[in-house]
């Protein structure tokens, strides 16, 4: 007997989640470059700490957020799409800030 609930392919939302989680592959690079934040004399200790925590912890946050929106998509697809788009904008905004200010 065949289960009718199994998906037959990837939906556009599933591809969006995969694209959202794609920066996780760059985590080893983030671990290598995060000590270079100490070389920037314009940053305070709090800024260095916050940026280092972001570079070390972003894969976990992306994974948790992706899982939450995946589960939400099963119940409320429109809200999940908007939330995933907003999360992507926030993530790339913070990443842009860390890259421009931290590695200046």
PDB file of N, CA and C in Angstrom:
ATOM      1  N   UNK A   1       0.841  -1.171   0.000  1.00  0.00           N
ATOM      2  CA  UNK A   1       0.000   0.000   0.000  1.00  0.00           C
ATOM      3  C   UNK A   1       0.893   1.244   0.000  1.00  0.00           C
ATOM      4  N   UNK A   2       0.571   2.200  -0.822  1.00  0.00           N
ATOM      5  CA  UNK A   2       1.390   3.399  -0.977  1.00  0.00           C
ATOM      6  C   UNK A   2       0.841   4.535  -0.117  1.00  0.00           C
ATOM      7  N   UNK A   3       1.766   5.241   0.556  1.00  0.00           N
ATOM      8  CA  UNK A   3       1.386   6.368   1.403  1.00  0.00           C
ATOM      9  C   UNK A   3       1.199   7.603   0.531  1.00  0.00           C
ATOM     10  N   UNK A   4       0.029   8.203   0.569  1.00  0.00           N
ATOM     11  CA  UNK A   4      -0.285   9.361  -0.267  1.00  0.00           C
ATOM     12  C   UNK A   4       0.243  10.675   0.310  1.00  0.00           C
ATOM     13  N   UNK A   5       0.763  10.669   1.530  1.00  0.00           N
ATOM     14  CA  UNK A   5       1.232  11.899   2.161  1.00  0.00           C
ATOM     15  C   UNK A   5       2.679  12.232   1.831  1.00  0.00           C
ATOM     16  N   UNK A   6       3.383  11.342   1.175  1.00  0.00           N
ATOM     17  CA  UNK A   6       4.781  11.600   0.848  1.00  0.00           C
ATOM     18  C   UNK A   6       4.879  12.607  -0.296  1.00  0.00           C
ATOM     19  N   UNK A   7       5.790  13.573  -0.192  1.00  0.00           N
ATOM     20  CA  UNK A   7       5.939  14.537  -1.280  1.00  0.00           C
ATOM     21  C   UNK A   7       6.579  13.876  -2.497  1.00  0.00           C
ATOM     22  N   UNK A   8       6.206  14.351  -3.671  1.00  0.00           N
ATOM     23  CA  UNK A   8       6.758  13.788  -4.895  1.00  0.00           C
ATOM     24  C   UNK A   8       7.933  14.601  -5.433  1.00  0.00           C
ATOM     25  N   UNK A   9       8.187  15.778  -4.861  1.00  0.00           N
ATOM     26  CA  UNK A   9       9.293  16.621  -5.300  1.00  0.00           C
ATOM     27  C   UNK A   9       9.483  17.770  -4.338  1.00  0.00           C
ATOM     28  N   UNK A  10      10.345  18.686  -4.733  1.00  0.00           N
ATOM     29  CA  UNK A  10      10.602  19.843  -3.893  1.00  0.00           C
ATOM     30  C   UNK A  10       9.666  20.980  -4.273  1.00  0.00           C
ATOM     31  N   UNK A  11       9.080  21.591  -3.258  1.00  0.00           N
ATOM     32  CA  UNK A  11       8.235  22.754  -3.496  1.00  0.00           C
ATOM     33  C   UNK A  11       9.107  24.007  -3.539  1.00  0.00           C
ATOM     34  N   UNK A  12       8.581  25.098  -4.057  1.00  0.00           N
ATOM     35  CA  UNK A  12       9.366  26.345  -4.040  1.00  0.00           C
ATOM     36  C   UNK A  12       9.754  26.781  -2.624  1.00  0.00           C
ATOM     37  N   UNK A  13       8.894  26.518  -1.637  1.00  0.00           N
ATOM     38  CA  UNK A  13       9.224  26.882  -0.257  1.00  0.00           C
ATOM     39  C   UNK A  13      10.388  26.047   0.255  1.00  0.00           C
ATOM     40  N   UNK A  14      10.445  24.786  -0.113  1.00  0.00           N
ATOM     41  CA  UNK A  14      11.558  23.935   0.297  1.00  0.00           C
ATOM     42  C   UNK A  14      12.862  24.431  -0.316  1.00  0.00           C
ATOM     43  N   UNK A  15      12.821  24.855  -1.559  1.00  0.00           N
ATOM     44  CA  UNK A  15      14.009  25.431  -2.177  1.00  0.00           C
ATOM     45  C   UNK A  15      14.405  26.735  -1.493  1.00  0.00           C
ATOM     46  N   UNK A  16      13.423  27.517  -1.057  1.00  0.00           N
ATOM     47  CA  UNK A  16      13.721  28.765  -0.348  1.00  0.00           C
ATOM     48  C   UNK A  16      14.414  28.478   0.982  1.00  0.00           C
ATOM     49  N   UNK A  17      13.952  27.461   1.689  1.00  0.00           N
ATOM     50  CA  UNK A  17      14.605  27.085   2.947  1.00  0.00           C
ATOM     51  C   UNK A  17      16.035  26.606   2.680  1.00  0.00           C
ATOM     52  N   UNK A  18      16.221  25.838   1.614  1.00  0.00           N
ATOM     53  CA  UNK A  18      17.572  25.377   1.275  1.00  0.00           C
ATOM     54  C   UNK A  18      18.485  26.563   0.961  1.00  0.00           C
ATOM     55  N   UNK A  19      17.977  27.533   0.237  1.00  0.00           N
ATOM     56  CA  UNK A  19      18.762  28.729  -0.054  1.00  0.00           C
ATOM     57  C   UNK A  19      19.038  29.554   1.189  1.00  0.00           C
ATOM     58  N   UNK A  20      18.070  29.583   2.102  1.00  0.00           N
ATOM     59  CA  UNK A  20      18.234  30.311   3.364  1.00  0.00           C
ATOM     60  C   UNK A  20      19.341  29.688   4.204  1.00  0.00           C
ATOM     61  N   UNK A  21      19.455  28.372   4.164  1.00  0.00           N
ATOM     62  CA  UNK A  21      20.458  27.661   4.972  1.00  0.00           C
ATOM     63  C   UNK A  21      21.799  27.506   4.262  1.00  0.00           C
ATOM     64  N   UNK A  22      21.914  27.933   3.037  1.00  0.00           N
ATOM     65  CA  UNK A  22      23.144  27.783   2.275  1.00  0.00           C
ATOM     66  C   UNK A  22      24.369  28.433   2.931  1.00  0.00           C
ATOM     67  N   UNK A  23      24.254  29.580   3.610  1.00  0.00           N
ATOM     68  CA  UNK A  23      25.439  30.159   4.262  1.00  0.00           C
ATOM     69  C   UNK A  23      26.043  29.286   5.356  1.00  0.00           C
ATOM     70  N   UNK A  24      25.336  28.261   5.785  1.00  0.00           N
ATOM     71  CA  UNK A  24      25.895  27.354   6.792  1.00  0.00           C
ATOM     72  C   UNK A  24      27.159  26.690   6.253  1.00  0.00           C
ATOM     73  N   UNK A  25      27.248  26.513   4.953  1.00  0.00           N
ATOM     74  CA  UNK A  25      28.431  25.901   4.355  1.00  0.00           C
ATOM     75  C   UNK A  25      29.677  26.760   4.518  1.00  0.00           C
ATOM     76  N   UNK A  26      29.502  28.043   4.772  1.00  0.00           N
ATOM     77  CA  UNK A  26      30.644  28.942   4.942  1.00  0.00           C
ATOM     78  C   UNK A  26      31.076  29.076   6.398  1.00  0.00           C
ATOM     79  N   UNK A  27      30.508  28.279   7.284  1.00  0.00           N
ATOM     80  CA  UNK A  27      30.825  28.375   8.708  1.00  0.00           C
ATOM     81  C   UNK A  27      32.310  28.148   8.994  1.00  0.00           C
ATOM     82  N   UNK A  28      32.975  27.165   8.388  1.00  0.00           N
ATOM     83  CA  UNK A  28      34.424  27.023   8.661  1.00  0.00           C
ATOM     84  C   UNK A  28      35.213  28.277   8.292  1.00  0.00           C
ATOM     85  N   UNK A  29      34.822  28.944   7.233  1.00  0.00           N
ATOM     86  CA  UNK A  29      35.487  30.187   6.858  1.00  0.00           C
ATOM     87  C   UNK A  29      35.236  31.265   7.919  1.00  0.00           C
ATOM     88  N   UNK A  30      34.028  31.320   8.436  1.00  0.00           N
ATOM     89  CA  UNK A  30      33.713  32.299   9.481  1.00  0.00           C
ATOM     90  C   UNK A  30      34.538  32.036  10.735  1.00  0.00           C
ATOM     91  N   UNK A  31      34.768  30.772  11.046  1.00  0.00           N
ATOM     92  CA  UNK A  31      35.595  30.447  12.208  1.00  0.00           C
ATOM     93  C   UNK A  31      37.051  30.876  12.002  1.00  0.00           C
ATOM     94  N   UNK A  32      37.515  30.799  10.769  1.00  0.00           N
ATOM     95  CA  UNK A  32      38.899  31.189  10.486  1.00  0.00           C
ATOM     96  C   UNK A  32      39.100  32.706  10.494  1.00  0.00           C
ATOM     97  N   UNK A  33      38.105  33.444  10.035  1.00  0.00           N
ATOM     98  CA  UNK A  33      38.298  34.893   9.935  1.00  0.00           C
ATOM     99  C   UNK A  33      37.841  35.644  11.184  1.00  0.00           C
ATOM    100  N   UNK A  34      37.110  35.010  12.080  1.00  0.00           N
ATOM    101  CA  UNK A  34      36.632  35.734  13.262  1.00  0.00           C
ATOM    102  C   UNK A  34      37.762  36.253  14.162  1.00  0.00           C
ATOM    103  N   UNK A  35      38.914  35.589  14.297  1.00  0.00           N
ATOM    104  CA  UNK A  35      39.987  36.189  15.099  1.00  0.00           C
ATOM    105  C   UNK A  35      40.537  37.491  14.513  1.00  0.00           C
ATOM    106  N   UNK A  36      40.330  37.731  13.221  1.00  0.00           N
ATOM    107  CA  UNK A  36      40.806  38.973  12.609  1.00  0.00           C
ATOM    108  C   UNK A  36      40.037  40.193  13.100  1.00  0.00           C
ATOM    109  N   UNK A  37      38.909  39.985  13.757  1.00  0.00           N
ATOM    110  CA  UNK A  37      38.184  41.116  14.331  1.00  0.00           C
ATOM    111  C   UNK A  37      39.009  41.805  15.416  1.00  0.00           C
ATOM    112  N   UNK A  38      39.885  41.046  16.061  1.00  0.00           N
ATOM    113  CA  UNK A  38      40.728  41.629  17.111  1.00  0.00           C
ATOM    114  C   UNK A  38      41.733  42.632  16.555  1.00  0.00           C
ATOM    115  N   UNK A  39      42.020  42.539  15.269  1.00  0.00           N
ATOM    116  CA  UNK A  39      42.997  43.437  14.641  1.00  0.00           C
ATOM    117  C   UNK A  39      42.414  44.792  14.281  1.00  0.00           C
ATOM    118  N   UNK A  40      41.104  44.966  14.415  1.00  0.00           N
ATOM    119  CA  UNK A  40      40.462  46.224  14.059  1.00  0.00           C
ATOM    120  C   UNK A  40      40.464  47.152  15.274  1.00  0.00           C
ATOM    121  N   UNK A  41      41.241  48.241  15.243  1.00  0.00           N
ATOM    122  CA  UNK A  41      41.326  49.134  16.414  1.00  0.00           C
ATOM    123  C   UNK A  41      40.085  49.993  16.611  1.00  0.00           C
ATOM    124  N   UNK A  42      39.209  50.068  15.607  1.00  0.00           N
ATOM    125  CA  UNK A  42      38.017  50.910  15.699  1.00  0.00           C
ATOM    126  C   UNK A  42      36.867  50.246  16.451  1.00  0.00           C
ATOM    127  N   UNK A  43      36.984  48.950  16.749  1.00  0.00           N
ATOM    128  CA  UNK A  43      35.895  48.233  17.412  1.00  0.00           C
ATOM    129  C   UNK A  43      36.101  48.208  18.918  1.00  0.00           C
ATOM    130  N   UNK A  44      34.994  48.342  19.640  1.00  0.00           N
ATOM    131  CA  UNK A  44      35.057  48.196  21.097  1.00  0.00           C
ATOM    132  C   UNK A  44      35.044  46.706  21.442  1.00  0.00           C
ATOM    133  N   UNK A  45      35.302  46.401  22.708  1.00  0.00           N
ATOM    134  CA  UNK A  45      35.294  44.994  23.135  1.00  0.00           C
ATOM    135  C   UNK A  45      33.911  44.373  22.961  1.00  0.00           C
ATOM    136  N   UNK A  46      32.863  45.146  23.228  1.00  0.00           N
ATOM    137  CA  UNK A  46      31.504  44.624  23.074  1.00  0.00           C
ATOM    138  C   UNK A  46      31.180  44.328  21.608  1.00  0.00           C
ATOM    139  N   UNK A  47      31.618  45.184  20.703  1.00  0.00           N
ATOM    140  CA  UNK A  47      31.384  44.940  19.281  1.00  0.00           C
ATOM    141  C   UNK A  47      32.135  43.703  18.805  1.00  0.00           C
ATOM    142  N   UNK A  48      33.365  43.536  19.241  1.00  0.00           N
ATOM    143  CA  UNK A  48      34.148  42.358  18.855  1.00  0.00           C
ATOM    144  C   UNK A  48      33.471  41.097  19.366  1.00  0.00           C
ATOM    145  N   UNK A  49      33.018  41.136  20.609  1.00  0.00           N
ATOM    146  CA  UNK A  49      32.349  39.964  21.186  1.00  0.00           C
ATOM    147  C   UNK A  49      31.061  39.645  20.444  1.00  0.00           C
ATOM    148  N   UNK A  50      30.242  40.670  20.172  1.00  0.00           N
ATOM    149  CA  UNK A  50      28.967  40.447  19.486  1.00  0.00           C
ATOM    150  C   UNK A  50      29.186  39.894  18.076  1.00  0.00           C
ATOM    151  N   UNK A  51      30.154  40.434  17.363  1.00  0.00           N
ATOM    152  CA  UNK A  51      30.415  39.961  16.003  1.00  0.00           C
ATOM    153  C   UNK A  51      30.990  38.548  16.007  1.00  0.00           C
ATOM    154  N   UNK A  52      31.837  38.246  16.965  1.00  0.00           N
ATOM    155  CA  UNK A  52      32.385  36.889  17.063  1.00  0.00           C
ATOM    156  C   UNK A  52      31.291  35.883  17.398  1.00  0.00           C
ATOM    157  N   UNK A  53      30.398  36.248  18.314  1.00  0.00           N
ATOM    158  CA  UNK A  53      29.286  35.359  18.654  1.00  0.00           C
ATOM    159  C   UNK A  53      28.391  35.130  17.434  1.00  0.00           C
ATOM    160  N   UNK A  54      28.159  36.185  16.652  1.00  0.00           N
ATOM    161  CA  UNK A  54      27.369  36.025  15.434  1.00  0.00           C
ATOM    162  C   UNK A  54      28.040  35.068  14.463  1.00  0.00           C
ATOM    163  N   UNK A  55      29.347  35.244  14.241  1.00  0.00           N
ATOM    164  CA  UNK A  55      30.051  34.385  13.291  1.00  0.00           C
ATOM    165  C   UNK A  55      30.128  32.931  13.765  1.00  0.00           C
ATOM    166  N   UNK A  56      30.164  32.725  15.065  1.00  0.00           N
ATOM    167  CA  UNK A  56      30.249  31.366  15.584  1.00  0.00           C
ATOM    168  C   UNK A  56      28.877  30.709  15.705  1.00  0.00           C
ATOM    169  N   UNK A  57      27.832  31.480  15.891  1.00  0.00           N
ATOM    170  CA  UNK A  57      26.537  30.883  16.185  1.00  0.00           C
ATOM    171  C   UNK A  57      25.492  30.942  15.092  1.00  0.00           C
ATOM    172  N   UNK A  58      25.778  31.636  13.984  1.00  0.00           N
ATOM    173  CA  UNK A  58      24.741  31.794  12.980  1.00  0.00           C
ATOM    174  C   UNK A  58      24.244  30.488  12.362  1.00  0.00           C
ATOM    175  N   UNK A  59      25.045  29.433  12.209  1.00  0.00           N
ATOM    176  CA  UNK A  59      24.492  28.212  11.617  1.00  0.00           C
ATOM    177  C   UNK A  59      23.395  27.583  12.480  1.00  0.00           C
ATOM    178  N   UNK A  60      23.561  27.669  13.785  1.00  0.00           N
ATOM    179  CA  UNK A  60      22.554  27.106  14.671  1.00  0.00           C
ATOM    180  C   UNK A  60      21.256  27.903  14.595  1.00  0.00           C
ATOM    181  N   UNK A  61      21.383  29.217  14.540  1.00  0.00           N
ATOM    182  CA  UNK A  61      20.201  30.070  14.449  1.00  0.00           C
ATOM    183  C   UNK A  61      19.487  29.847  13.120  1.00  0.00           C
ATOM    184  N   UNK A  62      20.233  29.775  12.030  1.00  0.00           N
ATOM    185  CA  UNK A  62      19.607  29.528  10.722  1.00  0.00           C
ATOM    186  C   UNK A  62      18.887  28.189  10.702  1.00  0.00           C
ATOM    187  N   UNK A  63      19.500  27.168  11.273  1.00  0.00           N
ATOM    188  CA  UNK A  63      18.858  25.849  11.306  1.00  0.00           C
ATOM    189  C   UNK A  63      17.583  25.832  12.127  1.00  0.00           C
ATOM    190  N   UNK A  64      17.610  26.485  13.272  1.00  0.00           N
ATOM    191  CA  UNK A  64      16.422  26.528  14.129  1.00  0.00           C
ATOM    192  C   UNK A  64      15.304  27.331  13.466  1.00  0.00           C
ATOM    193  N   UNK A  65      15.655  28.479  12.889  1.00  0.00           N
ATOM    194  CA  UNK A  65      14.653  29.307  12.217  1.00  0.00           C
ATOM    195  C   UNK A  65      14.060  28.567  11.019  1.00  0.00           C
ATOM    196  N   UNK A  66      14.899  27.882  10.255  1.00  0.00           N
ATOM    197  CA  UNK A  66      14.400  27.124   9.102  1.00  0.00           C
ATOM    198  C   UNK A  66      13.438  26.022   9.542  1.00  0.00           C
ATOM    199  N   UNK A  67      13.759  25.344  10.635  1.00  0.00           N
ATOM    200  CA  UNK A  67      12.879  24.283  11.135  1.00  0.00           C
ATOM    201  C   UNK A  67      11.545  24.852  11.607  1.00  0.00           C
ATOM    202  N   UNK A  68      11.580  25.985  12.290  1.00  0.00           N
ATOM    203  CA  UNK A  68      10.340  26.612  12.753  1.00  0.00           C
ATOM    204  C   UNK A  68       9.456  26.992  11.571  1.00  0.00           C
ATOM    205  N   UNK A  69      10.047  27.605  10.555  1.00  0.00           N
ATOM    206  CA  UNK A  69       9.247  28.008   9.400  1.00  0.00           C
ATOM    207  C   UNK A  69       8.787  26.808   8.572  1.00  0.00           C
ATOM    208  N   UNK A  70       9.551  25.734   8.549  1.00  0.00           N
ATOM    209  CA  UNK A  70       9.111  24.525   7.856  1.00  0.00           C
ATOM    210  C   UNK A  70       7.863  23.950   8.527  1.00  0.00           C
ATOM    211  N   UNK A  71       7.891  23.885   9.858  1.00  0.00           N
ATOM    212  CA  UNK A  71       6.725  23.379  10.586  1.00  0.00           C
ATOM    213  C   UNK A  71       5.540  24.340  10.456  1.00  0.00           C
ATOM    214  N   UNK A  72       5.813  25.646  10.474  1.00  0.00           N
ATOM    215  CA  UNK A  72       4.751  26.634  10.330  1.00  0.00           C
ATOM    216  C   UNK A  72       4.135  26.568   8.937  1.00  0.00           C
ATOM    217  N   UNK A  73       4.937  26.231   7.935  1.00  0.00           N
ATOM    218  CA  UNK A  73       4.439  26.158   6.557  1.00  0.00           C
ATOM    219  C   UNK A  73       3.373  25.077   6.398  1.00  0.00           C
ATOM    220  N   UNK A  74       3.416  24.066   7.217  1.00  0.00           N
ATOM    221  CA  UNK A  74       2.409  23.011   7.147  1.00  0.00           C
ATOM    222  C   UNK A  74       1.045  23.506   7.612  1.00  0.00           C
ATOM    223  N   UNK A  75       1.021  24.490   8.509  1.00  0.00           N
ATOM    224  CA  UNK A  75      -0.236  24.996   9.064  1.00  0.00           C
ATOM    225  C   UNK A  75      -0.667  26.320   8.422  1.00  0.00           C
ATOM    226  N   UNK A  76       0.290  27.239   8.272  1.00  0.00           N
ATOM    227  CA  UNK A  76      -0.012  28.579   7.746  1.00  0.00           C
ATOM    228  C   UNK A  76       1.048  28.967   6.713  1.00  0.00           C
ATOM    229  N   UNK A  77       0.891  28.532   5.475  1.00  0.00           N
ATOM    230  CA  UNK A  77       1.926  28.743   4.453  1.00  0.00           C
ATOM    231  C   UNK A  77       2.239  30.208   4.164  1.00  0.00           C
ATOM    232  N   UNK A  78       1.232  31.065   4.138  1.00  0.00           N
ATOM    233  CA  UNK A  78       1.488  32.471   3.809  1.00  0.00           C
ATOM    234  C   UNK A  78       2.343  33.139   4.885  1.00  0.00           C
ATOM    235  N   UNK A  79       2.042  32.861   6.133  1.00  0.00           N
ATOM    236  CA  UNK A  79       2.822  33.438   7.234  1.00  0.00           C
ATOM    237  C   UNK A  79       4.258  32.908   7.218  1.00  0.00           C
ATOM    238  N   UNK A  80       4.427  31.643   6.901  1.00  0.00           N
ATOM    239  CA  UNK A  80       5.769  31.056   6.850  1.00  0.00           C
ATOM    240  C   UNK A  80       6.600  31.678   5.737  1.00  0.00           C
ATOM    241  N   UNK A  81       5.997  31.927   4.584  1.00  0.00           N
ATOM    242  CA  UNK A  81       6.734  32.555   3.476  1.00  0.00           C
ATOM    243  C   UNK A  81       7.184  33.963   3.844  1.00  0.00           C
ATOM    244  N   UNK A  82       6.286  34.729   4.444  1.00  0.00           N
ATOM    245  CA  UNK A  82       6.643  36.094   4.841  1.00  0.00           C
ATOM    246  C   UNK A  82       7.710  36.083   5.939  1.00  0.00           C
ATOM    247  N   UNK A  83       7.570  35.181   6.888  1.00  0.00           N
ATOM    248  CA  UNK A  83       8.545  35.092   7.970  1.00  0.00           C
ATOM    249  C   UNK A  83       9.920  34.680   7.477  1.00  0.00           C
ATOM    250  N   UNK A  84       9.957  33.743   6.542  1.00  0.00           N
ATOM    251  CA  UNK A  84      11.244  33.310   5.984  1.00  0.00           C
ATOM    252  C   UNK A  84      11.899  34.441   5.198  1.00  0.00           C
ATOM    253  N   UNK A  85      11.109  35.183   4.440  1.00  0.00           N
ATOM    254  CA  UNK A  85      11.659  36.315   3.692  1.00  0.00           C
ATOM    255  C   UNK A  85      12.189  37.380   4.646  1.00  0.00           C
ATOM    256  N   UNK A  86      11.449  37.679   5.702  1.00  0.00           N
ATOM    257  CA  UNK A  86      11.900  38.666   6.682  1.00  0.00           C
ATOM    258  C   UNK A  86      13.159  38.199   7.404  1.00  0.00           C
ATOM    259  N   UNK A  87      13.218  36.927   7.734  1.00  0.00           N
ATOM    260  CA  UNK A  87      14.409  36.378   8.396  1.00  0.00           C
ATOM    261  C   UNK A  87      15.636  36.458   7.493  1.00  0.00           C
ATOM    262  N   UNK A  88      15.444  36.209   6.210  1.00  0.00           N
ATOM    263  CA  UNK A  88      16.567  36.299   5.266  1.00  0.00           C
ATOM    264  C   UNK A  88      17.068  37.733   5.164  1.00  0.00           C
ATOM    265  N   UNK A  89      16.151  38.696   5.119  1.00  0.00           N
ATOM    266  CA  UNK A  89      16.552  40.107   5.047  1.00  0.00           C
ATOM    267  C   UNK A  89      17.312  40.500   6.311  1.00  0.00           C
ATOM    268  N   UNK A  90      16.828  40.084   7.471  1.00  0.00           N
ATOM    269  CA  UNK A  90      17.501  40.404   8.732  1.00  0.00           C
ATOM    270  C   UNK A  90      18.882  39.758   8.777  1.00  0.00           C
ATOM    271  N   UNK A  91      18.970  38.481   8.407  1.00  0.00           N
ATOM    272  CA  UNK A  91      20.268  37.796   8.441  1.00  0.00           C
ATOM    273  C   UNK A  91      21.279  38.480   7.534  1.00  0.00           C
ATOM    274  N   UNK A  92      20.891  38.763   6.291  1.00  0.00           N
ATOM    275  CA  UNK A  92      21.846  39.367   5.370  1.00  0.00           C
ATOM    276  C   UNK A  92      22.161  40.813   5.755  1.00  0.00           C
ATOM    277  N   UNK A  93      21.240  41.502   6.414  1.00  0.00           N
ATOM    278  CA  UNK A  93      21.532  42.826   6.936  1.00  0.00           C
ATOM    279  C   UNK A  93      22.588  42.786   8.029  1.00  0.00           C
ATOM    280  N   UNK A  94      22.450  41.851   8.958  1.00  0.00           N
ATOM    281  CA  UNK A  94      23.444  41.702  10.027  1.00  0.00           C
ATOM    282  C   UNK A  94      24.780  41.243   9.440  1.00  0.00           C
ATOM    283  N   UNK A  95      24.740  40.333   8.491  1.00  0.00           N
ATOM    284  CA  UNK A  95      25.975  39.874   7.848  1.00  0.00           C
ATOM    285  C   UNK A  95      26.681  41.017   7.133  1.00  0.00           C
ATOM    286  N   UNK A  96      25.926  41.865   6.459  1.00  0.00           N
ATOM    287  CA  UNK A  96      26.506  43.019   5.784  1.00  0.00           C
ATOM    288  C   UNK A  96      27.146  43.961   6.800  1.00  0.00           C
ATOM    289  N   UNK A  97      26.467  44.193   7.919  1.00  0.00           N
ATOM    290  CA  UNK A  97      27.017  45.068   8.965  1.00  0.00           C
ATOM    291  C   UNK A  97      28.326  44.498   9.526  1.00  0.00           C
ATOM    292  N   UNK A  98      28.332  43.208   9.821  1.00  0.00           N
ATOM    293  CA  UNK A  98      29.548  42.581  10.364  1.00  0.00           C
ATOM    294  C   UNK A  98      30.684  42.657   9.345  1.00  0.00           C
ATOM    295  N   UNK A  99      30.379  42.428   8.092  1.00  0.00           N
ATOM    296  CA  UNK A  99      31.424  42.438   7.062  1.00  0.00           C
ATOM    297  C   UNK A  99      31.969  43.840   6.826  1.00  0.00           C
ATOM    298  N   UNK A 100      31.106  44.854   6.802  1.00  0.00           N
ATOM    299  CA  UNK A 100      31.586  46.201   6.494  1.00  0.00           C
ATOM    300  C   UNK A 100      32.230  46.883   7.700  1.00  0.00           C
ATOM    301  N   UNK A 101      31.672  46.697   8.871  1.00  0.00           N
ATOM    302  CA  UNK A 101      32.205  47.366  10.051  1.00  0.00           C
ATOM    303  C   UNK A 101      33.324  46.547  10.696  1.00  0.00           C
ATOM    304  N   UNK A 102      33.132  45.249  10.788  1.00  0.00           N
ATOM    305  CA  UNK A 102      34.098  44.414  11.489  1.00  0.00           C
ATOM    306  C   UNK A 102      35.396  44.197  10.752  1.00  0.00           C
ATOM    307  N   UNK A 103      35.333  44.108   9.447  1.00  0.00           N
ATOM    308  CA  UNK A 103      36.542  43.818   8.671  1.00  0.00           C
ATOM    309  C   UNK A 103      36.987  45.018   7.851  1.00  0.00           C
ATOM    310  N   UNK A 104      36.738  46.197   8.360  1.00  0.00           N
ATOM    311  CA  UNK A 104      37.101  47.438   7.693  1.00  0.00           C
ATOM    312  C   UNK A 104      38.592  47.684   7.810  1.00  0.00           C
TER     313      UNK A 104
END
